């Protein structure tokens, strides 16, 4: 799993310069903390539900939670990019990935 996560980080870092608002898009800003926190909550909740309500094993539940959450983050950034209603950002997605990883692993420790 570590190789997959590293590959995701690498892809996001390579795509970050493609952001529509590269000059304004800082690594540390209020929206980045929001991306991290919301992703952590979604991943933690998805991990918990996967284990407790669907009987997925303790080792696989975080993978499910992480996968669901980064899929939502990717969909959101993709929609922003296509619709131009929001600002698509590789940096936002990287914070989504970090939050999803933190949330899934935090809940796994508690299961």
PDB file of N, CA and C in Angstrom:
ATOM      1  N   UNK A   1       0.825  -1.192   0.000  1.00  0.00           N
ATOM      2  CA  UNK A   1       0.000   0.000   0.000  1.00  0.00           C
ATOM      3  C   UNK A   1       0.867   1.253   0.000  1.00  0.00           C
ATOM      4  N   UNK A   2       2.031   1.192   0.639  1.00  0.00           N
ATOM      5  CA  UNK A   2       2.910   2.353   0.705  1.00  0.00           C
ATOM      6  C   UNK A   2       3.338   2.799  -0.690  1.00  0.00           C
ATOM      7  N   UNK A   3       3.567   1.851  -1.584  1.00  0.00           N
ATOM      8  CA  UNK A   3       3.960   2.203  -2.957  1.00  0.00           C
ATOM      9  C   UNK A   3       2.836   2.926  -3.677  1.00  0.00           C
ATOM     10  N   UNK A   4       1.605   2.494  -3.437  1.00  0.00           N
ATOM     11  CA  UNK A   4       0.457   3.144  -4.075  1.00  0.00           C
ATOM     12  C   UNK A   4       0.292   4.571  -3.567  1.00  0.00           C
ATOM     13  N   UNK A   5       0.454   4.753  -2.260  1.00  0.00           N
ATOM     14  CA  UNK A   5       0.327   6.090  -1.683  1.00  0.00           C
ATOM     15  C   UNK A   5       1.434   6.990  -2.217  1.00  0.00           C
ATOM     16  N   UNK A   6       2.653   6.470  -2.287  1.00  0.00           N
ATOM     17  CA  UNK A   6       3.766   7.246  -2.831  1.00  0.00           C
ATOM     18  C   UNK A   6       3.485   7.634  -4.286  1.00  0.00           C
ATOM     19  N   UNK A   7       2.929   6.714  -5.051  1.00  0.00           N
ATOM     20  CA  UNK A   7       2.610   7.007  -6.457  1.00  0.00           C
ATOM     21  C   UNK A   7       1.568   8.111  -6.554  1.00  0.00           C
ATOM     22  N   UNK A   8       0.577   8.087  -5.682  1.00  0.00           N
ATOM     23  CA  UNK A   8      -0.447   9.135  -5.679  1.00  0.00           C
ATOM     24  C   UNK A   8       0.183  10.486  -5.355  1.00  0.00           C
ATOM     25  N   UNK A   9       1.039  10.532  -4.327  1.00  0.00           N
ATOM     26  CA  UNK A   9       1.711  11.780  -3.976  1.00  0.00           C
ATOM     27  C   UNK A   9       2.545  12.297  -5.145  1.00  0.00           C
ATOM     28  N   UNK A  10       3.252  11.408  -5.813  1.00  0.00           N
ATOM     29  CA  UNK A  10       4.103  11.794  -6.926  1.00  0.00           C
ATOM     30  C   UNK A  10       3.275  12.366  -8.077  1.00  0.00           C
ATOM     31  N   UNK A  11       2.178  11.721  -8.395  1.00  0.00           N
ATOM     32  CA  UNK A  11       1.302  12.204  -9.465  1.00  0.00           C
ATOM     33  C   UNK A  11       0.743  13.583  -9.121  1.00  0.00           C
ATOM     34  N   UNK A  12       0.298  13.742  -7.885  1.00  0.00           N
ATOM     35  CA  UNK A  12      -0.263  15.032  -7.475  1.00  0.00           C
ATOM     36  C   UNK A  12       0.798  16.123  -7.530  1.00  0.00           C
ATOM     37  N   UNK A  13       2.012  15.816  -7.074  1.00  0.00           N
ATOM     38  CA  UNK A  13       3.076  16.815  -7.126  1.00  0.00           C
ATOM     39  C   UNK A  13       3.412  17.205  -8.561  1.00  0.00           C
ATOM     40  N   UNK A  14       3.344  16.253  -9.460  1.00  0.00           N
ATOM     41  CA  UNK A  14       3.615  16.556 -10.859  1.00  0.00           C
ATOM     42  C   UNK A  14       2.489  17.374 -11.490  1.00  0.00           C
ATOM     43  N   UNK A  15       1.246  17.149 -11.017  1.00  0.00           N
ATOM     44  CA  UNK A  15       0.096  17.865 -11.572  1.00  0.00           C
ATOM     45  C   UNK A  15      -0.150  19.206 -10.901  1.00  0.00           C
ATOM     46  N   UNK A  16       0.453  19.443  -9.735  1.00  0.00           N
ATOM     47  CA  UNK A  16       0.223  20.687  -9.004  1.00  0.00           C
ATOM     48  C   UNK A  16       0.475  21.935  -9.845  1.00  0.00           C
ATOM     49  N   UNK A  17       1.521  21.955 -10.697  1.00  0.00           N
ATOM     50  CA  UNK A  17       1.721  23.158 -11.520  1.00  0.00           C
ATOM     51  C   UNK A  17       0.601  23.411 -12.529  1.00  0.00           C
ATOM     52  N   UNK A  18      -0.262  22.433 -12.772  1.00  0.00           N
ATOM     53  CA  UNK A  18      -1.352  22.616 -13.727  1.00  0.00           C
ATOM     54  C   UNK A  18      -2.538  23.357 -13.123  1.00  0.00           C
ATOM     55  N   UNK A  19      -2.427  23.701 -11.848  1.00  0.00           N
ATOM     56  CA  UNK A  19      -3.507  24.392 -11.159  1.00  0.00           C
ATOM     57  C   UNK A  19      -3.873  25.681 -11.881  1.00  0.00           C
ATOM     58  N   UNK A  20      -5.177  25.988 -11.904  1.00  0.00           N
ATOM     59  CA  UNK A  20      -5.646  27.217 -12.538  1.00  0.00           C
ATOM     60  C   UNK A  20      -5.182  28.471 -11.806  1.00  0.00           C
ATOM     61  N   UNK A  21      -4.941  28.353 -10.520  1.00  0.00           N
ATOM     62  CA  UNK A  21      -4.580  29.525  -9.720  1.00  0.00           C
ATOM     63  C   UNK A  21      -3.231  29.298  -9.042  1.00  0.00           C
ATOM     64  N   UNK A  22      -2.273  28.862  -9.793  1.00  0.00           N
ATOM     65  CA  UNK A  22      -0.973  28.501  -9.237  1.00  0.00           C
ATOM     66  C   UNK A  22      -0.351  29.625  -8.420  1.00  0.00           C
ATOM     67  N   UNK A  23      -0.448  30.850  -8.875  1.00  0.00           N
ATOM     68  CA  UNK A  23       0.183  31.952  -8.167  1.00  0.00           C
ATOM     69  C   UNK A  23      -0.486  32.242  -6.826  1.00  0.00           C
ATOM     70  N   UNK A  24      -1.777  32.003  -6.723  1.00  0.00           N
ATOM     71  CA  UNK A  24      -2.520  32.275  -5.495  1.00  0.00           C
ATOM     72  C   UNK A  24      -2.633  31.047  -4.598  1.00  0.00           C
ATOM     73  N   UNK A  25      -2.346  29.895  -5.113  1.00  0.00           N
ATOM     74  CA  UNK A  25      -2.567  28.631  -4.404  1.00  0.00           C
ATOM     75  C   UNK A  25      -1.367  28.310  -3.515  1.00  0.00           C
ATOM     76  N   UNK A  26      -1.471  28.654  -2.243  1.00  0.00           N
ATOM     77  CA  UNK A  26      -0.386  28.413  -1.297  1.00  0.00           C
ATOM     78  C   UNK A  26      -0.522  27.025  -0.684  1.00  0.00           C
ATOM     79  N   UNK A  27       0.599  26.472  -0.224  1.00  0.00           N
ATOM     80  CA  UNK A  27       0.585  25.151   0.408  1.00  0.00           C
ATOM     81  C   UNK A  27      -0.120  25.180   1.754  1.00  0.00           C
ATOM     82  N   UNK A  28       0.001  26.280   2.485  1.00  0.00           N
ATOM     83  CA  UNK A  28      -0.601  26.395   3.806  1.00  0.00           C
ATOM     84  C   UNK A  28      -1.563  27.570   3.811  1.00  0.00           C
ATOM     85  N   UNK A  29      -2.847  27.241   3.792  1.00  0.00           N
ATOM     86  CA  UNK A  29      -3.894  28.253   3.811  1.00  0.00           C
ATOM     87  C   UNK A  29      -5.118  27.623   4.480  1.00  0.00           C
ATOM     88  N   UNK A  30      -6.078  28.444   4.809  1.00  0.00           N
ATOM     89  CA  UNK A  30      -7.282  27.954   5.495  1.00  0.00           C
ATOM     90  C   UNK A  30      -7.953  26.814   4.734  1.00  0.00           C
ATOM     91  N   UNK A  31      -8.055  26.955   3.418  1.00  0.00           N
ATOM     92  CA  UNK A  31      -8.744  25.913   2.645  1.00  0.00           C
ATOM     93  C   UNK A  31      -7.973  24.587   2.673  1.00  0.00           C
ATOM     94  N   UNK A  32      -6.653  24.647   2.807  1.00  0.00           N
ATOM     95  CA  UNK A  32      -5.868  23.405   2.868  1.00  0.00           C
ATOM     96  C   UNK A  32      -6.166  22.651   4.165  1.00  0.00           C
ATOM     97  N   UNK A  33      -6.288  23.391   5.274  1.00  0.00           N
ATOM     98  CA  UNK A  33      -6.630  22.753   6.542  1.00  0.00           C
ATOM     99  C   UNK A  33      -8.046  22.172   6.487  1.00  0.00           C
ATOM    100  N   UNK A  34      -8.932  22.857   5.785  1.00  0.00           N
ATOM    101  CA  UNK A  34     -10.288  22.340   5.621  1.00  0.00           C
ATOM    102  C   UNK A  34     -10.287  21.051   4.792  1.00  0.00           C
ATOM    103  N   UNK A  35      -9.502  21.025   3.721  1.00  0.00           N
ATOM    104  CA  UNK A  35      -9.390  19.798   2.915  1.00  0.00           C
ATOM    105  C   UNK A  35      -8.881  18.651   3.777  1.00  0.00           C
ATOM    106  N   UNK A  36      -7.852  18.915   4.575  1.00  0.00           N
ATOM    107  CA  UNK A  36      -7.277  17.885   5.448  1.00  0.00           C
ATOM    108  C   UNK A  36      -8.319  17.389   6.456  1.00  0.00           C
ATOM    109  N   UNK A  37      -8.968  18.320   7.149  1.00  0.00           N
ATOM    110  CA  UNK A  37      -9.911  17.945   8.208  1.00  0.00           C
ATOM    111  C   UNK A  37     -11.122  17.186   7.668  1.00  0.00           C
ATOM    112  N   UNK A  38     -11.704  17.674   6.597  1.00  0.00           N
ATOM    113  CA  UNK A  38     -12.881  17.011   6.032  1.00  0.00           C
ATOM    114  C   UNK A  38     -12.510  15.622   5.515  1.00  0.00           C
ATOM    115  N   UNK A  39     -11.359  15.514   4.878  1.00  0.00           N
ATOM    116  CA  UNK A  39     -10.923  14.199   4.388  1.00  0.00           C
ATOM    117  C   UNK A  39     -10.652  13.246   5.537  1.00  0.00           C
ATOM    118  N   UNK A  40     -10.069  13.746   6.619  1.00  0.00           N
ATOM    119  CA  UNK A  40      -9.820  12.896   7.782  1.00  0.00           C
ATOM    120  C   UNK A  40     -11.133  12.384   8.372  1.00  0.00           C
ATOM    121  N   UNK A  41     -12.122  13.257   8.447  1.00  0.00           N
ATOM    122  CA  UNK A  41     -13.432  12.862   8.975  1.00  0.00           C
ATOM    123  C   UNK A  41     -14.102  11.828   8.063  1.00  0.00           C
ATOM    124  N   UNK A  42     -14.097  12.074   6.756  1.00  0.00           N
ATOM    125  CA  UNK A  42     -14.696  11.115   5.816  1.00  0.00           C
ATOM    126  C   UNK A  42     -13.990   9.764   5.864  1.00  0.00           C
ATOM    127  N   UNK A  43     -12.663   9.789   5.865  1.00  0.00           N
ATOM    128  CA  UNK A  43     -11.905   8.532   5.874  1.00  0.00           C
ATOM    129  C   UNK A  43     -12.102   7.786   7.174  1.00  0.00           C
ATOM    130  N   UNK A  44     -12.083   8.511   8.281  1.00  0.00           N
ATOM    131  CA  UNK A  44     -12.307   7.863   9.570  1.00  0.00           C
ATOM    132  C   UNK A  44     -13.692   7.241   9.654  1.00  0.00           C
ATOM    133  N   UNK A  45     -14.688   7.993   9.226  1.00  0.00           N
ATOM    134  CA  UNK A  45     -16.058   7.473   9.240  1.00  0.00           C
ATOM    135  C   UNK A  45     -16.237   6.286   8.313  1.00  0.00           C
ATOM    136  N   UNK A  46     -15.663   6.378   7.132  1.00  0.00           N
ATOM    137  CA  UNK A  46     -15.772   5.272   6.174  1.00  0.00           C
ATOM    138  C   UNK A  46     -15.056   4.027   6.679  1.00  0.00           C
ATOM    139  N   UNK A  47     -13.918   4.229   7.320  1.00  0.00           N
ATOM    140  CA  UNK A  47     -13.167   3.100   7.887  1.00  0.00           C
ATOM    141  C   UNK A  47     -13.982   2.435   8.983  1.00  0.00           C
ATOM    142  N   UNK A  48     -14.544   3.231   9.872  1.00  0.00           N
ATOM    143  CA  UNK A  48     -15.352   2.700  10.972  1.00  0.00           C
ATOM    144  C   UNK A  48     -16.563   1.934  10.445  1.00  0.00           C
ATOM    145  N   UNK A  49     -17.265   2.528   9.507  1.00  0.00           N
ATOM    146  CA  UNK A  49     -18.456   1.884   8.939  1.00  0.00           C
ATOM    147  C   UNK A  49     -18.089   0.599   8.209  1.00  0.00           C
ATOM    148  N   UNK A  50     -16.988   0.626   7.467  1.00  0.00           N
ATOM    149  CA  UNK A  50     -16.552  -0.576   6.737  1.00  0.00           C
ATOM    150  C   UNK A  50     -16.299  -1.729   7.701  1.00  0.00           C
ATOM    151  N   UNK A  51     -15.673  -1.435   8.833  1.00  0.00           N
ATOM    152  CA  UNK A  51     -15.348  -2.485   9.807  1.00  0.00           C
ATOM    153  C   UNK A  51     -16.577  -2.921  10.592  1.00  0.00           C
ATOM    154  N   UNK A  52     -17.278  -1.965  11.184  1.00  0.00           N
ATOM    155  CA  UNK A  52     -18.370  -2.289  12.107  1.00  0.00           C
ATOM    156  C   UNK A  52     -19.661  -2.731  11.425  1.00  0.00           C
ATOM    157  N   UNK A  53     -19.984  -2.156  10.299  1.00  0.00           N
ATOM    158  CA  UNK A  53     -21.283  -2.435   9.689  1.00  0.00           C
ATOM    159  C   UNK A  53     -21.222  -3.364   8.483  1.00  0.00           C
ATOM    160  N   UNK A  54     -20.053  -3.462   7.868  1.00  0.00           N
ATOM    161  CA  UNK A  54     -19.921  -4.333   6.705  1.00  0.00           C
ATOM    162  C   UNK A  54     -18.995  -5.514   6.955  1.00  0.00           C
ATOM    163  N   UNK A  55     -18.411  -5.582   8.149  1.00  0.00           N
ATOM    164  CA  UNK A  55     -17.589  -6.720   8.520  1.00  0.00           C
ATOM    165  C   UNK A  55     -16.276  -6.844   7.757  1.00  0.00           C
ATOM    166  N   UNK A  56     -15.798  -5.756   7.202  1.00  0.00           N
ATOM    167  CA  UNK A  56     -14.515  -5.790   6.500  1.00  0.00           C
ATOM    168  C   UNK A  56     -13.414  -5.895   7.551  1.00  0.00           C
ATOM    169  N   UNK A  57     -12.377  -6.629   7.251  1.00  0.00           N
ATOM    170  CA  UNK A  57     -11.316  -6.888   8.229  1.00  0.00           C
ATOM    171  C   UNK A  57     -10.650  -5.587   8.693  1.00  0.00           C
ATOM    172  N   UNK A  58     -10.029  -5.669   9.875  1.00  0.00           N
ATOM    173  CA  UNK A  58      -9.355  -4.522  10.468  1.00  0.00           C
ATOM    174  C   UNK A  58      -8.244  -3.986   9.563  1.00  0.00           C
ATOM    175  N   UNK A  59      -7.592  -4.872   8.846  1.00  0.00           N
ATOM    176  CA  UNK A  59      -6.500  -4.430   7.974  1.00  0.00           C
ATOM    177  C   UNK A  59      -7.003  -3.852   6.650  1.00  0.00           C
ATOM    178  N   UNK A  60      -8.175  -4.249   6.204  1.00  0.00           N
ATOM    179  CA  UNK A  60      -8.705  -3.764   4.924  1.00  0.00           C
ATOM    180  C   UNK A  60      -9.645  -2.565   5.064  1.00  0.00           C
ATOM    181  N   UNK A  61     -10.235  -2.368   6.232  1.00  0.00           N
ATOM    182  CA  UNK A  61     -11.160  -1.250   6.426  1.00  0.00           C
ATOM    183  C   UNK A  61     -10.506   0.112   6.155  1.00  0.00           C
ATOM    184  N   UNK A  62      -9.258   0.356   6.593  1.00  0.00           N
ATOM    185  CA  UNK A  62      -8.639   1.650   6.265  1.00  0.00           C
ATOM    186  C   UNK A  62      -8.411   1.846   4.769  1.00  0.00           C
ATOM    187  N   UNK A  63      -8.172   0.775   4.059  1.00  0.00           N
ATOM    188  CA  UNK A  63      -7.998   0.868   2.607  1.00  0.00           C
ATOM    189  C   UNK A  63      -9.307   1.325   1.970  1.00  0.00           C
ATOM    190  N   UNK A  64     -10.416   0.785   2.459  1.00  0.00           N
ATOM    191  CA  UNK A  64     -11.735   1.176   1.957  1.00  0.00           C
ATOM    192  C   UNK A  64     -12.000   2.649   2.276  1.00  0.00           C
ATOM    193  N   UNK A  65     -11.759   3.038   3.528  1.00  0.00           N
ATOM    194  CA  UNK A  65     -11.978   4.427   3.928  1.00  0.00           C
ATOM    195  C   UNK A  65     -11.115   5.403   3.148  1.00  0.00           C
ATOM    196  N   UNK A  66      -9.861   5.048   2.976  1.00  0.00           N
ATOM    197  CA  UNK A  66      -8.933   5.880   2.220  1.00  0.00           C
ATOM    198  C   UNK A  66      -9.372   5.977   0.765  1.00  0.00           C
ATOM    199  N   UNK A  67      -9.730   4.858   0.172  1.00  0.00           N
ATOM    200  CA  UNK A  67     -10.141   4.831  -1.231  1.00  0.00           C
ATOM    201  C   UNK A  67     -11.388   5.652  -1.492  1.00  0.00           C
ATOM    202  N   UNK A  68     -12.371   5.508  -0.622  1.00  0.00           N
ATOM    203  CA  UNK A  68     -13.610   6.278  -0.783  1.00  0.00           C
ATOM    204  C   UNK A  68     -13.308   7.772  -0.716  1.00  0.00           C
ATOM    205  N   UNK A  69     -12.503   8.149   0.252  1.00  0.00           N
ATOM    206  CA  UNK A  69     -12.228   9.567   0.479  1.00  0.00           C
ATOM    207  C   UNK A  69     -11.421  10.206  -0.644  1.00  0.00           C
ATOM    208  N   UNK A  70     -10.378   9.527  -1.112  1.00  0.00           N
ATOM    209  CA  UNK A  70      -9.611  10.148  -2.199  1.00  0.00           C
ATOM    210  C   UNK A  70     -10.396  10.149  -3.502  1.00  0.00           C
ATOM    211  N   UNK A  71     -11.324   9.208  -3.633  1.00  0.00           N
ATOM    212  CA  UNK A  71     -12.200   9.238  -4.810  1.00  0.00           C
ATOM    213  C   UNK A  71     -13.081  10.481  -4.777  1.00  0.00           C
ATOM    214  N   UNK A  72     -13.610  10.806  -3.603  1.00  0.00           N
ATOM    215  CA  UNK A  72     -14.421  12.021  -3.462  1.00  0.00           C
ATOM    216  C   UNK A  72     -13.580  13.274  -3.715  1.00  0.00           C
ATOM    217  N   UNK A  73     -12.353  13.288  -3.183  1.00  0.00           N
ATOM    218  CA  UNK A  73     -11.474  14.440  -3.401  1.00  0.00           C
ATOM    219  C   UNK A  73     -11.117  14.611  -4.863  1.00  0.00           C
ATOM    220  N   UNK A  74     -10.819  13.513  -5.535  1.00  0.00           N
ATOM    221  CA  UNK A  74     -10.480  13.572  -6.956  1.00  0.00           C
ATOM    222  C   UNK A  74     -11.688  14.032  -7.776  1.00  0.00           C
ATOM    223  N   UNK A  75     -12.870  13.543  -7.414  1.00  0.00           N
ATOM    224  CA  UNK A  75     -14.084  13.952  -8.130  1.00  0.00           C
ATOM    225  C   UNK A  75     -14.340  15.444  -7.953  1.00  0.00           C
ATOM    226  N   UNK A  76     -14.126  15.944  -6.742  1.00  0.00           N
ATOM    227  CA  UNK A  76     -14.340  17.364  -6.474  1.00  0.00           C
ATOM    228  C   UNK A  76     -13.357  18.219  -7.272  1.00  0.00           C
ATOM    229  N   UNK A  77     -12.093  17.856  -7.262  1.00  0.00           N
ATOM    230  CA  UNK A  77     -11.092  18.628  -8.007  1.00  0.00           C
ATOM    231  C   UNK A  77     -11.329  18.514  -9.515  1.00  0.00           C
ATOM    232  N   UNK A  78     -11.735  17.348  -9.967  1.00  0.00           N
ATOM    233  CA  UNK A  78     -12.059  17.170 -11.382  1.00  0.00           C
ATOM    234  C   UNK A  78     -13.244  18.018 -11.801  1.00  0.00           C
ATOM    235  N   UNK A  79     -14.261  18.069 -10.957  1.00  0.00           N
ATOM    236  CA  UNK A  79     -15.434  18.900 -11.250  1.00  0.00           C
ATOM    237  C   UNK A  79     -15.054  20.376 -11.279  1.00  0.00           C
ATOM    238  N   UNK A  80     -14.196  20.792 -10.350  1.00  0.00           N
ATOM    239  CA  UNK A  80     -13.737  22.186 -10.349  1.00  0.00           C
ATOM    240  C   UNK A  80     -12.979  22.515 -11.629  1.00  0.00           C
ATOM    241  N   UNK A  81     -12.160  21.570 -12.076  1.00  0.00           N
ATOM    242  CA  UNK A  81     -11.360  21.784 -13.284  1.00  0.00           C
ATOM    243  C   UNK A  81     -12.239  21.878 -14.529  1.00  0.00           C
ATOM    244  N   UNK A  82     -13.223  20.999 -14.624  1.00  0.00           N
ATOM    245  CA  UNK A  82     -14.079  20.949 -15.810  1.00  0.00           C
ATOM    246  C   UNK A  82     -15.081  22.094 -15.840  1.00  0.00           C
ATOM    247  N   UNK A  83     -15.689  22.388 -14.689  1.00  0.00           N
ATOM    248  CA  UNK A  83     -16.754  23.386 -14.661  1.00  0.00           C
ATOM    249  C   UNK A  83     -16.255  24.818 -14.531  1.00  0.00           C
ATOM    250  N   UNK A  84     -15.058  25.002 -14.040  1.00  0.00           N
ATOM    251  CA  UNK A  84     -14.490  26.324 -13.775  1.00  0.00           C
ATOM    252  C   UNK A  84     -15.310  27.093 -12.744  1.00  0.00           C
ATOM    253  N   UNK A  85     -16.184  26.403 -11.988  1.00  0.00           N
ATOM    254  CA  UNK A  85     -16.944  27.052 -10.918  1.00  0.00           C
ATOM    255  C   UNK A  85     -16.101  27.154  -9.655  1.00  0.00           C
ATOM    256  N   UNK A  86     -15.144  26.281  -9.512  1.00  0.00           N
ATOM    257  CA  UNK A  86     -14.217  26.318  -8.399  1.00  0.00           C
ATOM    258  C   UNK A  86     -12.806  26.392  -8.962  1.00  0.00           C
ATOM    259  N   UNK A  87     -11.842  26.316  -8.087  1.00  0.00           N
ATOM    260  CA  UNK A  87     -10.449  26.357  -8.525  1.00  0.00           C
ATOM    261  C   UNK A  87      -9.836  24.984  -8.316  1.00  0.00           C
ATOM    262  N   UNK A  88      -9.536  24.301  -9.396  1.00  0.00           N
ATOM    263  CA  UNK A  88      -8.910  22.985  -9.302  1.00  0.00           C
ATOM    264  C   UNK A  88      -7.478  23.159  -8.814  1.00  0.00           C
ATOM    265  N   UNK A  89      -7.067  22.275  -7.899  1.00  0.00           N
ATOM    266  CA  UNK A  89      -5.737  22.424  -7.327  1.00  0.00           C
ATOM    267  C   UNK A  89      -5.167  21.065  -6.953  1.00  0.00           C
ATOM    268  N   UNK A  90      -3.991  20.794  -7.465  1.00  0.00           N
ATOM    269  CA  UNK A  90      -3.280  19.587  -7.067  1.00  0.00           C
ATOM    270  C   UNK A  90      -2.888  19.651  -5.599  1.00  0.00           C
ATOM    271  N   UNK A  91      -2.622  20.855  -5.109  1.00  0.00           N
ATOM    272  CA  UNK A  91      -2.265  21.024  -3.695  1.00  0.00           C
ATOM    273  C   UNK A  91      -3.454  20.677  -2.802  1.00  0.00           C
ATOM    274  N   UNK A  92      -4.650  21.094  -3.203  1.00  0.00           N
ATOM    275  CA  UNK A  92      -5.848  20.723  -2.441  1.00  0.00           C
ATOM    276  C   UNK A  92      -5.986  19.205  -2.387  1.00  0.00           C
ATOM    277  N   UNK A  93      -5.770  18.558  -3.523  1.00  0.00           N
ATOM    278  CA  UNK A  93      -5.907  17.105  -3.560  1.00  0.00           C
ATOM    279  C   UNK A  93      -4.845  16.435  -2.693  1.00  0.00           C
ATOM    280  N   UNK A  94      -3.651  16.976  -2.660  1.00  0.00           N
ATOM    281  CA  UNK A  94      -2.606  16.412  -1.813  1.00  0.00           C
ATOM    282  C   UNK A  94      -2.991  16.509  -0.341  1.00  0.00           C
ATOM    283  N   UNK A  95      -3.607  17.615   0.045  1.00  0.00           N
ATOM    284  CA  UNK A  95      -4.107  17.741   1.415  1.00  0.00           C
ATOM    285  C   UNK A  95      -5.262  16.761   1.659  1.00  0.00           C
ATOM    286  N   UNK A  96      -6.085  16.513   0.638  1.00  0.00           N
ATOM    287  CA  UNK A  96      -7.134  15.494   0.761  1.00  0.00           C
ATOM    288  C   UNK A  96      -6.516  14.119   1.038  1.00  0.00           C
ATOM    289  N   UNK A  97      -5.474  13.788   0.306  1.00  0.00           N
ATOM    290  CA  UNK A  97      -4.795  12.496   0.476  1.00  0.00           C
ATOM    291  C   UNK A  97      -4.200  12.390   1.873  1.00  0.00           C
ATOM    292  N   UNK A  98      -3.540  13.452   2.327  1.00  0.00           N
ATOM    293  CA  UNK A  98      -2.941  13.434   3.664  1.00  0.00           C
ATOM    294  C   UNK A  98      -4.009  13.277   4.746  1.00  0.00           C
ATOM    295  N   UNK A  99      -5.107  13.991   4.620  1.00  0.00           N
ATOM    296  CA  UNK A  99      -6.191  13.878   5.591  1.00  0.00           C
ATOM    297  C   UNK A  99      -6.831  12.501   5.578  1.00  0.00           C
ATOM    298  N   UNK A 100      -7.030  11.949   4.380  1.00  0.00           N
ATOM    299  CA  UNK A 100      -7.620  10.616   4.265  1.00  0.00           C
ATOM    300  C   UNK A 100      -6.723   9.572   4.919  1.00  0.00           C
ATOM    301  N   UNK A 101      -5.440   9.686   4.706  1.00  0.00           N
ATOM    302  CA  UNK A 101      -4.496   8.752   5.307  1.00  0.00           C
ATOM    303  C   UNK A 101      -4.513   8.875   6.829  1.00  0.00           C
ATOM    304  N   UNK A 102      -4.484  10.100   7.326  1.00  0.00           N
ATOM    305  CA  UNK A 102      -4.503  10.322   8.774  1.00  0.00           C
ATOM    306  C   UNK A 102      -5.795   9.795   9.405  1.00  0.00           C
ATOM    307  N   UNK A 103      -6.919  10.098   8.795  1.00  0.00           N
ATOM    308  CA  UNK A 103      -8.204   9.658   9.354  1.00  0.00           C
ATOM    309  C   UNK A 103      -8.358   8.152   9.343  1.00  0.00           C
ATOM    310  N   UNK A 104      -7.998   7.514   8.234  1.00  0.00           N
ATOM    311  CA  UNK A 104      -8.132   6.060   8.138  1.00  0.00           C
ATOM    312  C   UNK A 104      -7.225   5.354   9.130  1.00  0.00           C
ATOM    313  N   UNK A 105      -5.990   5.843   9.259  1.00  0.00           N
ATOM    314  CA  UNK A 105      -5.048   5.200  10.187  1.00  0.00           C
ATOM    315  C   UNK A 105      -5.416   5.473  11.651  1.00  0.00           C
ATOM    316  N   UNK A 106      -5.913   6.646  11.930  1.00  0.00           N
ATOM    317  CA  UNK A 106      -6.324   6.964  13.314  1.00  0.00           C
ATOM    318  C   UNK A 106      -7.461   6.041  13.768  1.00  0.00           C
ATOM    319  N   UNK A 107      -8.444   5.826  12.915  1.00  0.00           N
ATOM    320  CA  UNK A 107      -9.551   4.949  13.278  1.00  0.00           C
ATOM    321  C   UNK A 107      -9.096   3.497  13.339  1.00  0.00           C
ATOM    322  N   UNK A 108      -8.190   3.113  12.459  1.00  0.00           N
ATOM    323  CA  UNK A 108      -7.682   1.735  12.480  1.00  0.00           C
ATOM    324  C   UNK A 108      -7.034   1.430  13.829  1.00  0.00           C
ATOM    325  N   UNK A 109      -6.345   2.394  14.400  1.00  0.00           N
ATOM    326  CA  UNK A 109      -5.715   2.189  15.709  1.00  0.00           C
ATOM    327  C   UNK A 109      -6.752   1.979  16.798  1.00  0.00           C
ATOM    328  N   UNK A 110      -7.947   2.496  16.592  1.00  0.00           N
ATOM    329  CA  UNK A 110      -9.019   2.391  17.607  1.00  0.00           C
ATOM    330  C   UNK A 110      -9.922   1.166  17.403  1.00  0.00           C
ATOM    331  N   UNK A 111      -9.854   0.523  16.244  1.00  0.00           N
ATOM    332  CA  UNK A 111     -10.726  -0.632  15.979  1.00  0.00           C
ATOM    333  C   UNK A 111     -10.247  -1.863  16.735  1.00  0.00           C
TER     334      UNK A 111
END
